[in-house]
Amino acid sequence: MHYGQKCYPTQLFEVFALLVILITVYRTKSKFKAYLFLYAVSRFIIEYFRGDDRGDLFGALSPAQAISISIIIVILYRFAAGPTKKVV
């Protein structure tokens, strides 16, 4: 109970999400992009279940959700752009 209200165990949600991310990233070639994308998605979702007030940005979004959206957009753009050339 948190201030007399039922709350979700978001720490456990995050541990589970990070385990799924670890397994997924381990199997992909683009590990850093995959990690950033999956962590941003999981963080965005988990923030809805948090019981504390962390401030509002753009209406109903928390600052962590706004940052997650920006990371998701950048990573989707980078995935769509394709692989980058390596400079030797």
PDB file of N, CA and C in Angstrom:
ATOM      1  N   MET A   1       0.849  -1.184   0.000  1.00  0.00           N
ATOM      2  CA  MET A   1       0.000   0.000   0.000  1.00  0.00           C
ATOM      3  C   MET A   1       0.886   1.235   0.000  1.00  0.00           C
ATOM      4  N   HIS A   2       0.473   2.189  -0.776  1.00  0.00           N
ATOM      5  CA  HIS A   2       1.203   3.442  -0.901  1.00  0.00           C
ATOM      6  C   HIS A   2       0.210   4.567  -0.655  1.00  0.00           C
ATOM      7  N   TYR A   3       0.309   5.194   0.497  1.00  0.00           N
ATOM      8  CA  TYR A   3      -0.630   6.254   0.886  1.00  0.00           C
ATOM      9  C   TYR A   3      -2.079   5.763   0.823  1.00  0.00           C
ATOM     10  N   GLY A   4      -2.289   4.521   1.243  1.00  0.00           N
ATOM     11  CA  GLY A   4      -3.628   3.974   1.286  1.00  0.00           C
ATOM     12  C   GLY A   4      -4.140   3.471  -0.051  1.00  0.00           C
ATOM     13  N   GLN A   5      -3.330   3.487  -1.078  1.00  0.00           N
ATOM     14  CA  GLN A   5      -3.742   3.008  -2.400  1.00  0.00           C
ATOM     15  C   GLN A   5      -2.940   1.766  -2.764  1.00  0.00           C
ATOM     16  N   LYS A   6      -3.574   0.886  -3.517  1.00  0.00           N
ATOM     17  CA  LYS A   6      -2.859  -0.269  -4.024  1.00  0.00           C
ATOM     18  C   LYS A   6      -1.902   0.197  -5.111  1.00  0.00           C
ATOM     19  N   CYS A   7      -0.730  -0.432  -5.164  1.00  0.00           N
ATOM     20  CA  CYS A   7       0.231  -0.055  -6.197  1.00  0.00           C
ATOM     21  C   CYS A   7       0.839  -1.314  -6.819  1.00  0.00           C
ATOM     22  N   TYR A   8       1.383  -1.142  -8.001  1.00  0.00           N
ATOM     23  CA  TYR A   8       1.978  -2.240  -8.738  1.00  0.00           C
ATOM     24  C   TYR A   8       3.458  -2.369  -8.389  1.00  0.00           C
ATOM     25  N   PRO A   9       3.982  -3.592  -8.440  1.00  0.00           N
ATOM     26  CA  PRO A   9       5.415  -3.783  -8.168  1.00  0.00           C
ATOM     27  C   PRO A   9       6.238  -3.461  -9.423  1.00  0.00           C
ATOM     28  N   THR A  10       6.380  -2.184  -9.715  1.00  0.00           N
ATOM     29  CA  THR A  10       7.036  -1.785 -10.957  1.00  0.00           C
ATOM     30  C   THR A  10       8.503  -2.196 -10.998  1.00  0.00           C
ATOM     31  N   GLN A  11       9.141  -2.362  -9.850  1.00  0.00           N
ATOM     32  CA  GLN A  11      10.521  -2.819  -9.842  1.00  0.00           C
ATOM     33  C   GLN A  11      10.612  -4.229 -10.425  1.00  0.00           C
ATOM     34  N   LEU A  12       9.639  -5.066 -10.085  1.00  0.00           N
ATOM     35  CA  LEU A  12       9.614  -6.421 -10.636  1.00  0.00           C
ATOM     36  C   LEU A  12       9.290  -6.400 -12.127  1.00  0.00           C
ATOM     37  N   PHE A  13       8.407  -5.500 -12.546  1.00  0.00           N
ATOM     38  CA  PHE A  13       8.117  -5.349 -13.978  1.00  0.00           C
ATOM     39  C   PHE A  13       9.397  -4.984 -14.724  1.00  0.00           C
ATOM     40  N   GLU A  14      10.167  -4.086 -14.142  1.00  0.00           N
ATOM     41  CA  GLU A  14      11.394  -3.645 -14.802  1.00  0.00           C
ATOM     42  C   GLU A  14      12.433  -4.761 -14.847  1.00  0.00           C
ATOM     43  N   VAL A  15      12.550  -5.542 -13.797  1.00  0.00           N
ATOM     44  CA  VAL A  15      13.484  -6.675 -13.799  1.00  0.00           C
ATOM     45  C   VAL A  15      13.099  -7.663 -14.892  1.00  0.00           C
ATOM     46  N   PHE A  16      11.822  -7.979 -14.988  1.00  0.00           N
ATOM     47  CA  PHE A  16      11.351  -8.899 -16.021  1.00  0.00           C
ATOM     48  C   PHE A  16      11.633  -8.322 -17.417  1.00  0.00           C
ATOM     49  N   ALA A  17      11.347  -7.034 -17.602  1.00  0.00           N
ATOM     50  CA  ALA A  17      11.597  -6.398 -18.900  1.00  0.00           C
ATOM     51  C   ALA A  17      13.083  -6.430 -19.240  1.00  0.00           C
ATOM     52  N   LEU A  18      13.944  -6.182 -18.261  1.00  0.00           N
ATOM     53  CA  LEU A  18      15.380  -6.191 -18.521  1.00  0.00           C
ATOM     54  C   LEU A  18      15.892  -7.593 -18.847  1.00  0.00           C
ATOM     55  N   LEU A  19      15.300  -8.617 -18.250  1.00  0.00           N
ATOM     56  CA  LEU A  19      15.678  -9.984 -18.608  1.00  0.00           C
ATOM     57  C   LEU A  19      15.290 -10.303 -20.054  1.00  0.00           C
ATOM     58  N   VAL A  20      14.097  -9.875 -20.445  1.00  0.00           N
ATOM     59  CA  VAL A  20      13.659 -10.065 -21.836  1.00  0.00           C
ATOM     60  C   VAL A  20      14.568  -9.284 -22.782  1.00  0.00           C
ATOM     61  N   ILE A  21      14.919  -8.068 -22.400  1.00  0.00           N
ATOM     62  CA  ILE A  21      15.821  -7.248 -23.220  1.00  0.00           C
ATOM     63  C   ILE A  21      17.185  -7.925 -23.340  1.00  0.00           C
ATOM     64  N   LEU A  22      17.710  -8.461 -22.245  1.00  0.00           N
ATOM     65  CA  LEU A  22      19.007  -9.137 -22.264  1.00  0.00           C
ATOM     66  C   LEU A  22      18.998 -10.300 -23.246  1.00  0.00           C
ATOM     67  N   ILE A  23      17.982 -11.126 -23.186  1.00  0.00           N
ATOM     68  CA  ILE A  23      17.890 -12.280 -24.085  1.00  0.00           C
ATOM     69  C   ILE A  23      17.766 -11.824 -25.533  1.00  0.00           C
ATOM     70  N   THR A  24      16.955 -10.802 -25.773  1.00  0.00           N
ATOM     71  CA  THR A  24      16.753 -10.309 -27.132  1.00  0.00           C
ATOM     72  C   THR A  24      18.018  -9.662 -27.684  1.00  0.00           C
ATOM     73  N   VAL A  25      18.658  -8.833 -26.896  1.00  0.00           N
ATOM     74  CA  VAL A  25      19.866  -8.132 -27.351  1.00  0.00           C
ATOM     75  C   VAL A  25      20.994  -9.124 -27.602  1.00  0.00           C
ATOM     76  N   TYR A  26      21.072 -10.151 -26.800  1.00  0.00           N
ATOM     77  CA  TYR A  26      22.102 -11.169 -26.973  1.00  0.00           C
ATOM     78  C   TYR A  26      22.017 -11.830 -28.343  1.00  0.00           C
ATOM     79  N   ARG A  27      20.800 -11.912 -28.899  1.00  0.00           N
ATOM     80  CA  ARG A  27      20.571 -12.599 -30.175  1.00  0.00           C
ATOM     81  C   ARG A  27      20.596 -11.678 -31.390  1.00  0.00           C
ATOM     82  N   THR A  28      20.764 -10.379 -31.203  1.00  0.00           N
ATOM     83  CA  THR A  28      20.736  -9.460 -32.335  1.00  0.00           C
ATOM     84  C   THR A  28      22.143  -8.988 -32.694  1.00  0.00           C
ATOM     85  N   LYS A  29      22.269  -8.483 -33.914  1.00  0.00           N
ATOM     86  CA  LYS A  29      23.564  -7.958 -34.363  1.00  0.00           C
ATOM     87  C   LYS A  29      23.760  -6.532 -33.879  1.00  0.00           C
ATOM     88  N   SER A  30      22.728  -5.738 -33.955  1.00  0.00           N
ATOM     89  CA  SER A  30      22.806  -4.334 -33.578  1.00  0.00           C
ATOM     90  C   SER A  30      22.413  -4.188 -32.106  1.00  0.00           C
ATOM     91  N   LYS A  31      23.309  -4.546 -31.223  1.00  0.00           N
ATOM     92  CA  LYS A  31      23.003  -4.651 -29.802  1.00  0.00           C
ATOM     93  C   LYS A  31      22.650  -3.308 -29.148  1.00  0.00           C
ATOM     94  N   PHE A  32      23.418  -2.279 -29.444  1.00  0.00           N
ATOM     95  CA  PHE A  32      23.183  -0.998 -28.782  1.00  0.00           C
ATOM     96  C   PHE A  32      21.841  -0.393 -29.191  1.00  0.00           C
ATOM     97  N   LYS A  33      21.545  -0.402 -30.482  1.00  0.00           N
ATOM     98  CA  LYS A  33      20.261   0.140 -30.943  1.00  0.00           C
ATOM     99  C   LYS A  33      19.093  -0.668 -30.397  1.00  0.00           C
ATOM    100  N   ALA A  34      19.243  -1.993 -30.395  1.00  0.00           N
ATOM    101  CA  ALA A  34      18.171  -2.851 -29.883  1.00  0.00           C
ATOM    102  C   ALA A  34      17.932  -2.592 -28.408  1.00  0.00           C
ATOM    103  N   TYR A  35      19.031  -2.459 -27.640  1.00  0.00           N
ATOM    104  CA  TYR A  35      18.886  -2.186 -26.209  1.00  0.00           C
ATOM    105  C   TYR A  35      18.187  -0.855 -25.970  1.00  0.00           C
ATOM    106  N   LEU A  36      18.644   0.196 -26.652  1.00  0.00           N
ATOM    107  CA  LEU A  36      18.019   1.512 -26.454  1.00  0.00           C
ATOM    108  C   LEU A  36      16.531   1.480 -26.795  1.00  0.00           C
ATOM    109  N   PHE A  37      16.201   0.868 -27.915  1.00  0.00           N
ATOM    110  CA  PHE A  37      14.801   0.817 -28.348  1.00  0.00           C
ATOM    111  C   PHE A  37      13.948   0.042 -27.350  1.00  0.00           C
ATOM    112  N   LEU A  38      14.383  -1.157 -26.997  1.00  0.00           N
ATOM    113  CA  LEU A  38      13.583  -1.993 -26.099  1.00  0.00           C
ATOM    114  C   LEU A  38      13.480  -1.398 -24.699  1.00  0.00           C
ATOM    115  N   TYR A  39      14.558  -0.796 -24.207  1.00  0.00           N
ATOM    116  CA  TYR A  39      14.498  -0.176 -22.890  1.00  0.00           C
ATOM    117  C   TYR A  39      13.551   1.022 -22.897  1.00  0.00           C
ATOM    118  N   ALA A  40      13.600   1.826 -23.961  1.00  0.00           N
ATOM    119  CA  ALA A  40      12.706   2.983 -24.046  1.00  0.00           C
ATOM    120  C   ALA A  40      11.248   2.545 -24.088  1.00  0.00           C
ATOM    121  N   VAL A  41      10.951   1.490 -24.842  1.00  0.00           N
ATOM    122  CA  VAL A  41       9.571   0.987 -24.910  1.00  0.00           C
ATOM    123  C   VAL A  41       9.134   0.466 -23.546  1.00  0.00           C
ATOM    124  N   SER A  42       9.998  -0.330 -22.903  1.00  0.00           N
ATOM    125  CA  SER A  42       9.608  -0.877 -21.597  1.00  0.00           C
ATOM    126  C   SER A  42       9.453   0.223 -20.560  1.00  0.00           C
ATOM    127  N   ARG A  43      10.339   1.199 -20.578  1.00  0.00           N
ATOM    128  CA  ARG A  43      10.254   2.305 -19.612  1.00  0.00           C
ATOM    129  C   ARG A  43       8.977   3.114 -19.821  1.00  0.00           C
ATOM    130  N   PHE A  44       8.618   3.352 -21.092  1.00  0.00           N
ATOM    131  CA  PHE A  44       7.399   4.086 -21.403  1.00  0.00           C
ATOM    132  C   PHE A  44       6.178   3.366 -20.821  1.00  0.00           C
ATOM    133  N   ILE A  45       6.129   2.056 -20.995  1.00  0.00           N
ATOM    134  CA  ILE A  45       4.984   1.278 -20.505  1.00  0.00           C
ATOM    135  C   ILE A  45       4.971   1.222 -18.982  1.00  0.00           C
ATOM    136  N   ILE A  46       6.111   0.955 -18.375  1.00  0.00           N
ATOM    137  CA  ILE A  46       6.183   0.813 -16.913  1.00  0.00           C
ATOM    138  C   ILE A  46       5.825   2.115 -16.214  1.00  0.00           C
ATOM    139  N   GLU A  47       6.141   3.248 -16.817  1.00  0.00           N
ATOM    140  CA  GLU A  47       5.838   4.548 -16.201  1.00  0.00           C
ATOM    141  C   GLU A  47       4.337   4.724 -15.951  1.00  0.00           C
ATOM    142  N   TYR A  48       3.483   4.099 -16.750  1.00  0.00           N
ATOM    143  CA  TYR A  48       2.036   4.199 -16.528  1.00  0.00           C
ATOM    144  C   TYR A  48       1.622   3.553 -15.213  1.00  0.00           C
ATOM    145  N   PHE A  49       2.376   2.563 -14.764  1.00  0.00           N
ATOM    146  CA  PHE A  49       2.005   1.818 -13.567  1.00  0.00           C
ATOM    147  C   PHE A  49       2.624   2.363 -12.289  1.00  0.00           C
ATOM    148  N   ARG A  50       3.532   3.311 -12.400  1.00  0.00           N
ATOM    149  CA  ARG A  50       4.174   3.869 -11.210  1.00  0.00           C
ATOM    150  C   ARG A  50       3.163   4.654 -10.380  1.00  0.00           C
ATOM    151  N   GLY A  51       3.318   4.588  -9.073  1.00  0.00           N
ATOM    152  CA  GLY A  51       2.369   5.244  -8.188  1.00  0.00           C
ATOM    153  C   GLY A  51       2.768   6.636  -7.760  1.00  0.00           C
ATOM    154  N   ASP A  52       4.003   7.017  -8.052  1.00  0.00           N
ATOM    155  CA  ASP A  52       4.449   8.332  -7.591  1.00  0.00           C
ATOM    156  C   ASP A  52       4.245   9.389  -8.681  1.00  0.00           C
ATOM    157  N   ASP A  53       4.139  10.622  -8.228  1.00  0.00           N
ATOM    158  CA  ASP A  53       3.964  11.735  -9.160  1.00  0.00           C
ATOM    159  C   ASP A  53       5.341  12.265  -9.526  1.00  0.00           C
ATOM    160  N   ARG A  54       5.693  12.151 -10.784  1.00  0.00           N
ATOM    161  CA  ARG A  54       7.024  12.570 -11.230  1.00  0.00           C
ATOM    162  C   ARG A  54       6.949  13.799 -12.116  1.00  0.00           C
ATOM    163  N   GLY A  55       5.831  14.501 -12.103  1.00  0.00           N
ATOM    164  CA  GLY A  55       5.696  15.695 -12.923  1.00  0.00           C
ATOM    165  C   GLY A  55       5.070  15.365 -14.268  1.00  0.00           C
ATOM    166  N   ASP A  56       4.571  16.378 -14.916  1.00  0.00           N
ATOM    167  CA  ASP A  56       3.925  16.185 -16.207  1.00  0.00           C
ATOM    168  C   ASP A  56       4.627  16.995 -17.281  1.00  0.00           C
ATOM    169  N   LEU A  57       4.789  16.393 -18.417  1.00  0.00           N
ATOM    170  CA  LEU A  57       5.290  17.059 -19.609  1.00  0.00           C
ATOM    171  C   LEU A  57       4.295  16.803 -20.727  1.00  0.00           C
ATOM    172  N   PHE A  58       3.952  17.799 -21.467  1.00  0.00           N
ATOM    173  CA  PHE A  58       3.036  17.643 -22.604  1.00  0.00           C
ATOM    174  C   PHE A  58       1.719  16.999 -22.177  1.00  0.00           C
ATOM    175  N   GLY A  59       1.174  17.430 -21.086  1.00  0.00           N
ATOM    176  CA  GLY A  59      -0.110  16.894 -20.639  1.00  0.00           C
ATOM    177  C   GLY A  59       0.050  15.751 -19.670  1.00  0.00           C
ATOM    178  N   ALA A  60      -0.200  14.533 -20.139  1.00  0.00           N
ATOM    179  CA  ALA A  60      -0.232  13.378 -19.247  1.00  0.00           C
ATOM    180  C   ALA A  60       1.065  12.582 -19.230  1.00  0.00           C
ATOM    181  N   LEU A  61       2.085  12.984 -19.977  1.00  0.00           N
ATOM    182  CA  LEU A  61       3.327  12.225 -20.030  1.00  0.00           C
ATOM    183  C   LEU A  61       4.285  12.651 -18.927  1.00  0.00           C
ATOM    184  N   SER A  62       4.943  11.670 -18.346  1.00  0.00           N
ATOM    185  CA  SER A  62       5.995  11.977 -17.380  1.00  0.00           C
ATOM    186  C   SER A  62       7.267  12.325 -18.155  1.00  0.00           C
ATOM    187  N   PRO A  63       8.237  12.939 -17.499  1.00  0.00           N
ATOM    188  CA  PRO A  63       9.498  13.239 -18.192  1.00  0.00           C
ATOM    189  C   PRO A  63      10.172  11.990 -18.767  1.00  0.00           C
ATOM    190  N   ALA A  64      10.117  10.878 -18.047  1.00  0.00           N
ATOM    191  CA  ALA A  64      10.724   9.640 -18.550  1.00  0.00           C
ATOM    192  C   ALA A  64      10.016   9.153 -19.810  1.00  0.00           C
ATOM    193  N   GLN A  65       8.700   9.337 -19.882  1.00  0.00           N
ATOM    194  CA  GLN A  65       7.969   8.929 -21.080  1.00  0.00           C
ATOM    195  C   GLN A  65       8.308   9.827 -22.263  1.00  0.00           C
ATOM    196  N   ALA A  66       8.477  11.113 -22.024  1.00  0.00           N
ATOM    197  CA  ALA A  66       8.849  12.027 -23.107  1.00  0.00           C
ATOM    198  C   ALA A  66      10.238  11.679 -23.640  1.00  0.00           C
ATOM    199  N   ILE A  67      11.164  11.369 -22.754  1.00  0.00           N
ATOM    200  CA  ILE A  67      12.509  10.966 -23.177  1.00  0.00           C
ATOM    201  C   ILE A  67      12.439   9.640 -23.935  1.00  0.00           C
ATOM    202  N   SER A  68      11.615   8.721 -23.457  1.00  0.00           N
ATOM    203  CA  SER A  68      11.461   7.434 -24.130  1.00  0.00           C
ATOM    204  C   SER A  68      10.929   7.602 -25.541  1.00  0.00           C
ATOM    205  N   ILE A  69       9.955   8.469 -25.712  1.00  0.00           N
ATOM    206  CA  ILE A  69       9.405   8.709 -27.047  1.00  0.00           C
ATOM    207  C   ILE A  69      10.480   9.267 -27.972  1.00  0.00           C
ATOM    208  N   SER A  70      11.275  10.199 -27.483  1.00  0.00           N
ATOM    209  CA  SER A  70      12.322  10.768 -28.333  1.00  0.00           C
ATOM    210  C   SER A  70      13.359   9.709 -28.709  1.00  0.00           C
ATOM    211  N   ILE A  71      13.727   8.833 -27.785  1.00  0.00           N
ATOM    212  CA  ILE A  71      14.671   7.758 -28.093  1.00  0.00           C
ATOM    213  C   ILE A  71      14.073   6.799 -29.105  1.00  0.00           C
ATOM    214  N   ILE A  72      12.799   6.447 -28.941  1.00  0.00           N
ATOM    215  CA  ILE A  72      12.135   5.536 -29.877  1.00  0.00           C
ATOM    216  C   ILE A  72      12.133   6.131 -31.280  1.00  0.00           C
ATOM    217  N   ILE A  73      11.827   7.405 -31.407  1.00  0.00           N
ATOM    218  CA  ILE A  73      11.794   8.058 -32.722  1.00  0.00           C
ATOM    219  C   ILE A  73      13.178   8.042 -33.362  1.00  0.00           C
ATOM    220  N   VAL A  74      14.203   8.389 -32.598  1.00  0.00           N
ATOM    221  CA  VAL A  74      15.564   8.417 -33.144  1.00  0.00           C
ATOM    222  C   VAL A  74      16.005   7.017 -33.581  1.00  0.00           C
ATOM    223  N   ILE A  75      15.750   6.016 -32.758  1.00  0.00           N
ATOM    224  CA  ILE A  75      16.170   4.656 -33.095  1.00  0.00           C
ATOM    225  C   ILE A  75      15.392   4.131 -34.295  1.00  0.00           C
ATOM    226  N   LEU A  76      14.098   4.402 -34.378  1.00  0.00           N
ATOM    227  CA  LEU A  76      13.334   3.971 -35.555  1.00  0.00           C
ATOM    228  C   LEU A  76      13.870   4.630 -36.816  1.00  0.00           C
ATOM    229  N   TYR A  77      14.253   5.894 -36.719  1.00  0.00           N
ATOM    230  CA  TYR A  77      14.845   6.584 -37.861  1.00  0.00           C
ATOM    231  C   TYR A  77      16.161   5.926 -38.258  1.00  0.00           C
ATOM    232  N   ARG A  78      16.977   5.583 -37.261  1.00  0.00           N
ATOM    233  CA  ARG A  78      18.266   4.951 -37.547  1.00  0.00           C
ATOM    234  C   ARG A  78      18.088   3.555 -38.140  1.00  0.00           C
ATOM    235  N   PHE A  79      17.092   2.794 -37.670  1.00  0.00           N
ATOM    236  CA  PHE A  79      16.824   1.482 -38.255  1.00  0.00           C
ATOM    237  C   PHE A  79      16.341   1.634 -39.688  1.00  0.00           C
ATOM    238  N   ALA A  80      15.508   2.624 -39.943  1.00  0.00           N
ATOM    239  CA  ALA A  80      14.988   2.836 -41.292  1.00  0.00           C
ATOM    240  C   ALA A  80      16.080   3.305 -42.245  1.00  0.00           C
ATOM    241  N   ALA A  81      17.069   4.031 -41.720  1.00  0.00           N
ATOM    242  CA  ALA A  81      18.151   4.554 -42.560  1.00  0.00           C
ATOM    243  C   ALA A  81      19.089   3.431 -43.020  1.00  0.00           C
ATOM    244  N   GLY A  82      19.068   2.309 -42.328  1.00  0.00           N
ATOM    245  CA  GLY A  82      19.927   1.211 -42.715  1.00  0.00           C
ATOM    246  C   GLY A  82      21.269   1.270 -42.012  1.00  0.00           C
ATOM    247  N   PRO A  83      22.140   0.336 -42.370  1.00  0.00           N
ATOM    248  CA  PRO A  83      23.456   0.303 -41.712  1.00  0.00           C
ATOM    249  C   PRO A  83      24.314   1.494 -42.137  1.00  0.00           C
ATOM    250  N   THR A  84      25.153   1.922 -41.224  1.00  0.00           N
ATOM    251  CA  THR A  84      26.056   3.027 -41.536  1.00  0.00           C
ATOM    252  C   THR A  84      27.373   2.472 -42.056  1.00  0.00           C
ATOM    253  N   LYS A  85      28.030   3.243 -42.881  1.00  0.00           N
ATOM    254  CA  LYS A  85      29.320   2.822 -43.427  1.00  0.00           C
ATOM    255  C   LYS A  85      30.407   3.081 -42.394  1.00  0.00           C
ATOM    256  N   LYS A  86      31.328   2.141 -42.302  1.00  0.00           N
ATOM    257  CA  LYS A  86      32.429   2.294 -41.370  1.00  0.00           C
ATOM    258  C   LYS A  86      33.563   3.025 -42.067  1.00  0.00           C
ATOM    259  N   VAL A  87      34.117   4.009 -41.400  1.00  0.00           N
ATOM    260  CA  VAL A  87      35.254   4.738 -41.929  1.00  0.00           C
ATOM    261  C   VAL A  87      36.526   4.095 -41.409  1.00  0.00           C
ATOM    262  N   VAL A  88      37.413   3.767 -42.319  1.00  0.00           N
ATOM    263  CA  VAL A  88      38.639   3.076 -41.920  1.00  0.00           C
ATOM    264  C   VAL A  88      39.783   4.052 -41.877  1.00  0.00           C
TER     265      VAL A  88
END
